[in-house]
Amino acid sequence: MLILVLIFTGIATSFGQDAEVKRTPEKRSQADLPNDFYASYGTGTVFYFIEREDLKANTLSGTFLVGFSRSLNKVIAVGFQLSYTKIGRSGTSYDYSYNSSYTHEITDNLWQGIANVRFRYLNTPSFSMYSGVGMGVTMDFYQETENTTKSSGQKLLPAGQLTLLGFRVGRAFSFFGEFGIGTNSIVNAGVSYKFSD
């Protein structure tokens, strides 16, 4: 009899327990995720508009860029970015010795490293707006063809980027776009992933 009482008591107790409430994980605000990896594509580098002697830029690959930034607080983030741009330049020169013209071509392969600072002035859970400034160096690996003579070399150039307006839409994974001026690009767009420590 004691065994039956214990069994019925256990069953009644199990039915009397509150059902567990399943909780969905709360979505974190992008402002609370300090680390940011991003990749983008841009166009309109300042290098494209700089003419070399009698050469004019006629092809541009655009700028492929990857970077990382870390938020110091809700407003300021610091980071580093690497980018690659290819520019083709050509022109026609006249050789007075042979009384004929020939084509002069240069291809610039520009690798850039820029350290930057961003200032966020709008920071909601899934949207932010910012401006930024960056400085660094460019390594130009160039190839030159002049009247059947081919040569190649490299040279160090300054690099800099001023972001006038940037925006980010999303929380952890997001889309972003930037408008500015500099050696990277004038218009830039890509994807970003933010995460905590």
C-alpha atoms as a PDB file:
ATOM      1  CA  MET A   1       0.000   0.000   0.000  1.00  0.00           C
ATOM      2  CA  LEU A   2       2.876   2.348   0.839  1.00  0.00           C
ATOM      3  CA  ILE A   3       4.395   1.677  -2.577  1.00  0.00           C
ATOM      4  CA  LEU A   4       1.138   2.662  -4.346  1.00  0.00           C
ATOM      5  CA  VAL A   5       0.915   5.920  -2.353  1.00  0.00           C
ATOM      6  CA  LEU A   6       4.507   6.823  -3.310  1.00  0.00           C
ATOM      7  CA  ILE A   7       3.836   6.086  -7.008  1.00  0.00           C
ATOM      8  CA  PHE A   8       0.648   8.238  -7.088  1.00  0.00           C
ATOM      9  CA  THR A   9       2.427  11.037  -5.227  1.00  0.00           C
ATOM     10  CA  GLY A  10       5.291  11.008  -7.764  1.00  0.00           C
ATOM     11  CA  ILE A  11       2.870  11.121 -10.720  1.00  0.00           C
ATOM     12  CA  ALA A  12       0.866  13.993  -9.191  1.00  0.00           C
ATOM     13  CA  THR A  13       4.066  15.922  -8.490  1.00  0.00           C
ATOM     14  CA  SER A  14       5.316  15.505 -12.065  1.00  0.00           C
ATOM     15  CA  PHE A  15       2.021  16.831 -13.473  1.00  0.00           C
ATOM     16  CA  GLY A  16       2.071  19.739 -11.057  1.00  0.00           C
ATOM     17  CA  GLN A  17       5.426  21.077 -12.250  1.00  0.00           C
ATOM     18  CA  ASP A  18       5.435  24.127 -14.466  1.00  0.00           C
ATOM     19  CA  ALA A  19       6.281  23.493 -18.083  1.00  0.00           C
ATOM     20  CA  GLU A  20       9.703  24.783 -19.018  1.00  0.00           C
ATOM     21  CA  VAL A  21       9.588  27.923 -21.090  1.00  0.00           C
ATOM     22  CA  LYS A  22      11.824  27.778 -24.159  1.00  0.00           C
ATOM     23  CA  ARG A  23      13.741  30.985 -24.532  1.00  0.00           C
ATOM     24  CA  THR A  24      15.052  32.204 -27.836  1.00  0.00           C
ATOM     25  CA  PRO A  25      18.494  33.764 -27.608  1.00  0.00           C
ATOM     26  CA  GLU A  26      18.319  37.529 -27.604  1.00  0.00           C
ATOM     27  CA  LYS A  27      19.766  39.183 -30.706  1.00  0.00           C
ATOM     28  CA  ARG A  28      22.765  41.273 -29.787  1.00  0.00           C
ATOM     29  CA  SER A  29      23.130  44.837 -30.930  1.00  0.00           C
ATOM     30  CA  GLN A  30      25.882  45.432 -33.476  1.00  0.00           C
ATOM     31  CA  ALA A  31      27.142  48.170 -31.139  1.00  0.00           C
ATOM     32  CA  ASP A  32      27.921  45.507 -28.496  1.00  0.00           C
ATOM     33  CA  LEU A  33      30.101  43.424 -30.850  1.00  0.00           C
ATOM     34  CA  PRO A  34      33.562  45.025 -30.829  1.00  0.00           C
ATOM     35  CA  ASN A  35      35.402  42.990 -33.510  1.00  0.00           C
ATOM     36  CA  ASP A  36      34.633  43.494 -37.188  1.00  0.00           C
ATOM     37  CA  PHE A  37      35.996  41.567 -40.203  1.00  0.00           C
ATOM     38  CA  TYR A  38      34.972  42.919 -43.600  1.00  0.00           C
ATOM     39  CA  ALA A  39      35.549  42.468 -47.335  1.00  0.00           C
ATOM     40  CA  SER A  40      34.516  44.845 -50.101  1.00  0.00           C
ATOM     41  CA  TYR A  41      34.902  46.025 -53.672  1.00  0.00           C
ATOM     42  CA  GLY A  42      35.273  49.661 -54.678  1.00  0.00           C
ATOM     43  CA  THR A  43      36.038  51.851 -57.638  1.00  0.00           C
ATOM     44  CA  GLY A  44      37.450  55.296 -58.356  1.00  0.00           C
ATOM     45  CA  THR A  45      40.914  55.331 -56.800  1.00  0.00           C
ATOM     46  CA  VAL A  46      42.806  58.645 -56.932  1.00  0.00           C
ATOM     47  CA  PHE A  47      45.689  56.817 -58.647  1.00  0.00           C
ATOM     48  CA  TYR A  48      43.469  56.334 -61.721  1.00  0.00           C
ATOM     49  CA  PHE A  49      43.145  60.092 -62.262  1.00  0.00           C
ATOM     50  CA  ILE A  50      46.882  60.830 -62.001  1.00  0.00           C
ATOM     51  CA  GLU A  51      48.434  60.964 -65.473  1.00  0.00           C
ATOM     52  CA  ARG A  52      51.981  59.796 -66.110  1.00  0.00           C
ATOM     53  CA  GLU A  53      53.830  61.888 -68.679  1.00  0.00           C
ATOM     54  CA  ASP A  54      52.050  61.135 -71.969  1.00  0.00           C
ATOM     55  CA  LEU A  55      50.136  58.140 -70.553  1.00  0.00           C
ATOM     56  CA  LYS A  56      46.466  58.045 -69.628  1.00  0.00           C
ATOM     57  CA  ALA A  57      44.746  55.399 -67.515  1.00  0.00           C
ATOM     58  CA  ASN A  58      42.361  53.352 -69.643  1.00  0.00           C
ATOM     59  CA  THR A  59      41.652  50.222 -67.582  1.00  0.00           C
ATOM     60  CA  LEU A  60      40.842  49.798 -63.898  1.00  0.00           C
ATOM     61  CA  SER A  61      40.199  46.530 -62.077  1.00  0.00           C
ATOM     62  CA  GLY A  62      38.575  48.246 -59.126  1.00  0.00           C
ATOM     63  CA  THR A  63      39.802  47.810 -55.552  1.00  0.00           C
ATOM     64  CA  PHE A  64      39.487  44.513 -53.682  1.00  0.00           C
ATOM     65  CA  LEU A  65      39.747  45.124 -49.945  1.00  0.00           C
ATOM     66  CA  VAL A  66      39.792  43.131 -46.685  1.00  0.00           C
ATOM     67  CA  GLY A  67      40.071  44.607 -43.216  1.00  0.00           C
ATOM     68  CA  PHE A  68      39.607  44.317 -39.486  1.00  0.00           C
ATOM     69  CA  SER A  69      38.573  46.899 -36.913  1.00  0.00           C
ATOM     70  CA  ARG A  70      38.046  46.906 -33.162  1.00  0.00           C
ATOM     71  CA  SER A  71      35.753  49.237 -31.256  1.00  0.00           C
ATOM     72  CA  LEU A  72      37.378  51.114 -28.395  1.00  0.00           C
ATOM     73  CA  ASN A  73      33.969  52.419 -27.272  1.00  0.00           C
ATOM     74  CA  LYS A  74      30.547  53.154 -28.798  1.00  0.00           C
ATOM     75  CA  VAL A  75      31.999  55.890 -31.028  1.00  0.00           C
ATOM     76  CA  ILE A  76      35.631  55.124 -31.971  1.00  0.00           C
ATOM     77  CA  ALA A  77      36.985  52.059 -33.778  1.00  0.00           C
ATOM     78  CA  VAL A  78      40.550  51.486 -34.993  1.00  0.00           C
ATOM     79  CA  GLY A  79      41.689  49.021 -37.613  1.00  0.00           C
ATOM     80  CA  PHE A  80      43.791  48.008 -40.581  1.00  0.00           C
ATOM     81  CA  GLN A  81      42.955  47.172 -44.184  1.00  0.00           C
ATOM     82  CA  LEU A  82      44.751  45.618 -47.156  1.00  0.00           C
ATOM     83  CA  SER A  83      43.750  46.237 -50.759  1.00  0.00           C
ATOM     84  CA  TYR A  84      44.716  45.477 -54.364  1.00  0.00           C
ATOM     85  CA  THR A  85      44.084  47.564 -57.502  1.00  0.00           C
ATOM     86  CA  LYS A  86      45.304  47.084 -61.075  1.00  0.00           C
ATOM     87  CA  ILE A  87      45.520  50.056 -63.460  1.00  0.00           C
ATOM     88  CA  GLY A  88      46.507  49.930 -67.143  1.00  0.00           C
ATOM     89  CA  ARG A  89      47.950  53.041 -68.816  1.00  0.00           C
ATOM     90  CA  SER A  90      48.882  53.596 -72.430  1.00  0.00           C
ATOM     91  CA  GLY A  91      49.835  56.342 -74.855  1.00  0.00           C
ATOM     92  CA  THR A  92      51.395  56.877 -78.254  1.00  0.00           C
ATOM     93  CA  SER A  93      54.851  58.387 -78.580  1.00  0.00           C
ATOM     94  CA  TYR A  94      56.737  59.490 -81.659  1.00  0.00           C
ATOM     95  CA  ASP A  95      60.239  58.210 -82.388  1.00  0.00           C
ATOM     96  CA  TYR A  96      61.998  60.883 -84.453  1.00  0.00           C
ATOM     97  CA  SER A  97      64.972  58.605 -85.130  1.00  0.00           C
ATOM     98  CA  TYR A  98      62.840  56.171 -87.122  1.00  0.00           C
ATOM     99  CA  ASN A  99      60.159  58.714 -88.089  1.00  0.00           C
ATOM    100  CA  SER A 100      57.419  56.494 -86.662  1.00  0.00           C
ATOM    101  CA  SER A 101      55.134  56.228 -83.653  1.00  0.00           C
ATOM    102  CA  TYR A 102      54.952  53.472 -81.053  1.00  0.00           C
ATOM    103  CA  THR A 103      52.819  52.524 -78.083  1.00  0.00           C
ATOM    104  CA  HIS A 104      53.999  53.066 -74.535  1.00  0.00           C
ATOM    105  CA  GLU A 105      52.189  50.954 -71.897  1.00  0.00           C
ATOM    106  CA  ILE A 106      52.440  50.632 -68.108  1.00  0.00           C
ATOM    107  CA  THR A 107      50.485  48.298 -65.827  1.00  0.00           C
ATOM    108  CA  ASP A 108      50.400  49.265 -62.139  1.00  0.00           C
ATOM    109  CA  ASN A 109      49.652  46.560 -59.559  1.00  0.00           C
ATOM    110  CA  LEU A 110      48.956  48.532 -56.386  1.00  0.00           C
ATOM    111  CA  TRP A 111      49.055  46.780 -52.991  1.00  0.00           C
ATOM    112  CA  GLN A 112      48.029  49.048 -50.105  1.00  0.00           C
ATOM    113  CA  GLY A 113      48.124  48.811 -46.339  1.00  0.00           C
ATOM    114  CA  ILE A 114      46.183  51.495 -44.446  1.00  0.00           C
ATOM    115  CA  ALA A 115      45.647  51.994 -40.708  1.00  0.00           C
ATOM    116  CA  ASN A 116      42.379  53.800 -40.020  1.00  0.00           C
ATOM    117  CA  VAL A 117      40.101  55.312 -37.391  1.00  0.00           C
ATOM    118  CA  ARG A 118      36.290  55.364 -37.649  1.00  0.00           C
ATOM    119  CA  PHE A 119      33.916  57.694 -35.827  1.00  0.00           C
ATOM    120  CA  ARG A 120      30.352  56.398 -35.475  1.00  0.00           C
ATOM    121  CA  TYR A 121      27.792  59.154 -35.004  1.00  0.00           C
ATOM    122  CA  LEU A 122      24.673  56.956 -35.293  1.00  0.00           C
ATOM    123  CA  ASN A 123      24.640  53.617 -33.503  1.00  0.00           C
ATOM    124  CA  THR A 124      21.383  51.612 -33.301  1.00  0.00           C
ATOM    125  CA  PRO A 125      21.097  47.812 -32.747  1.00  0.00           C
ATOM    126  CA  SER A 126      21.038  47.061 -36.494  1.00  0.00           C
ATOM    127  CA  PHE A 127      22.215  50.256 -38.225  1.00  0.00           C
ATOM    128  CA  SER A 128      25.189  52.573 -37.885  1.00  0.00           C
ATOM    129  CA  MET A 129      26.613  55.558 -39.741  1.00  0.00           C
ATOM    130  CA  TYR A 130      30.224  56.677 -39.542  1.00  0.00           C
ATOM    131  CA  SER A 131      33.077  58.653 -41.048  1.00  0.00           C
ATOM    132  CA  GLY A 132      36.756  57.790 -41.011  1.00  0.00           C
ATOM    133  CA  VAL A 133      40.302  58.599 -41.970  1.00  0.00           C
ATOM    134  CA  GLY A 134      43.271  56.357 -42.757  1.00  0.00           C
ATOM    135  CA  MET A 135      46.927  56.595 -43.762  1.00  0.00           C
ATOM    136  CA  GLY A 136      49.424  54.034 -44.968  1.00  0.00           C
ATOM    137  CA  VAL A 137      51.675  52.933 -47.825  1.00  0.00           C
ATOM    138  CA  THR A 138      51.264  51.629 -51.372  1.00  0.00           C
ATOM    139  CA  MET A 139      53.655  49.237 -53.068  1.00  0.00           C
ATOM    140  CA  ASP A 140      53.418  49.633 -56.848  1.00  0.00           C
ATOM    141  CA  PHE A 141      54.653  46.583 -58.787  1.00  0.00           C
ATOM    142  CA  TYR A 142      54.690  47.892 -62.349  1.00  0.00           C
ATOM    143  CA  GLN A 143      55.423  46.486 -65.810  1.00  0.00           C
ATOM    144  CA  GLU A 144      56.374  48.792 -68.647  1.00  0.00           C
ATOM    145  CA  THR A 145      56.549  48.250 -72.411  1.00  0.00           C
ATOM    146  CA  GLU A 146      58.124  50.935 -74.563  1.00  0.00           C
ATOM    147  CA  ASN A 147      58.873  50.313 -78.243  1.00  0.00           C
ATOM    148  CA  THR A 148      59.332  46.521 -77.757  1.00  0.00           C
ATOM    149  CA  THR A 149      61.478  47.085 -74.652  1.00  0.00           C
ATOM    150  CA  LYS A 150      59.928  45.518 -71.562  1.00  0.00           C
ATOM    151  CA  SER A 151      60.874  46.283 -67.984  1.00  0.00           C
ATOM    152  CA  SER A 152      59.428  45.917 -64.498  1.00  0.00           C
ATOM    153  CA  GLY A 153      60.066  47.307 -61.052  1.00  0.00           C
ATOM    154  CA  GLN A 154      58.533  48.481 -57.842  1.00  0.00           C
ATOM    155  CA  LYS A 155      58.207  51.698 -55.932  1.00  0.00           C
ATOM    156  CA  LEU A 156      56.771  52.912 -52.653  1.00  0.00           C
ATOM    157  CA  LEU A 157      53.966  55.507 -52.699  1.00  0.00           C
ATOM    158  CA  PRO A 158      51.833  57.137 -50.000  1.00  0.00           C
ATOM    159  CA  ALA A 159      48.293  55.875 -49.350  1.00  0.00           C
ATOM    160  CA  GLY A 160      45.357  57.525 -47.660  1.00  0.00           C
ATOM    161  CA  GLN A 161      41.589  57.315 -47.490  1.00  0.00           C
ATOM    162  CA  LEU A 162      38.967  59.751 -46.217  1.00  0.00           C
ATOM    163  CA  THR A 163      35.531  58.205 -45.652  1.00  0.00           C
ATOM    164  CA  LEU A 164      32.971  61.004 -45.764  1.00  0.00           C
ATOM    165  CA  LEU A 165      29.933  58.778 -45.232  1.00  0.00           C
ATOM    166  CA  GLY A 166      29.730  55.115 -44.294  1.00  0.00           C
ATOM    167  CA  PHE A 167      26.790  52.988 -43.232  1.00  0.00           C
ATOM    168  CA  ARG A 168      26.314  49.437 -41.931  1.00  0.00           C
ATOM    169  CA  VAL A 169      22.984  47.563 -42.038  1.00  0.00           C
ATOM    170  CA  GLY A 170      22.650  44.441 -39.875  1.00  0.00           C
ATOM    171  CA  ARG A 171      23.714  43.002 -36.562  1.00  0.00           C
ATOM    172  CA  ALA A 172      26.462  40.359 -36.572  1.00  0.00           C
ATOM    173  CA  PHE A 173      26.395  39.740 -40.338  1.00  0.00           C
ATOM    174  CA  SER A 174      25.725  42.854 -42.400  1.00  0.00           C
ATOM    175  CA  PHE A 175      26.032  44.847 -45.605  1.00  0.00           C
ATOM    176  CA  PHE A 176      27.947  48.128 -45.660  1.00  0.00           C
ATOM    177  CA  GLY A 177      28.713  50.930 -48.085  1.00  0.00           C
ATOM    178  CA  GLU A 178      31.084  53.894 -48.078  1.00  0.00           C
ATOM    179  CA  PHE A 179      31.567  57.116 -49.997  1.00  0.00           C
ATOM    180  CA  GLY A 180      34.826  59.044 -49.797  1.00  0.00           C
ATOM    181  CA  ILE A 181      38.033  59.934 -51.567  1.00  0.00           C
ATOM    182  CA  GLY A 182      41.491  58.428 -51.509  1.00  0.00           C
ATOM    183  CA  THR A 183      43.848  55.844 -52.906  1.00  0.00           C
ATOM    184  CA  ASN A 184      41.437  52.960 -52.210  1.00  0.00           C
ATOM    185  CA  SER A 185      38.161  54.093 -53.766  1.00  0.00           C
ATOM    186  CA  ILE A 186      35.457  56.719 -54.054  1.00  0.00           C
ATOM    187  CA  VAL A 187      32.532  54.279 -53.778  1.00  0.00           C
ATOM    188  CA  ASN A 188      32.930  51.060 -51.822  1.00  0.00           C
ATOM    189  CA  ALA A 189      30.485  48.268 -50.799  1.00  0.00           C
ATOM    190  CA  GLY A 190      30.798  44.893 -49.136  1.00  0.00           C
ATOM    191  CA  VAL A 191      29.921  42.536 -46.296  1.00  0.00           C
ATOM    192  CA  SER A 192      30.899  42.638 -42.640  1.00  0.00           C
ATOM    193  CA  TYR A 193      30.862  40.176 -39.734  1.00  0.00           C
ATOM    194  CA  LYS A 194      31.027  41.432 -36.138  1.00  0.00           C
ATOM    195  CA  PHE A 195      31.635  39.252 -33.091  1.00  0.00           C
ATOM    196  CA  SER A 196      32.411  39.564 -29.409  1.00  0.00           C
ATOM    197  CA  ASP A 197      35.612  38.582 -27.563  1.00  0.00           C
END
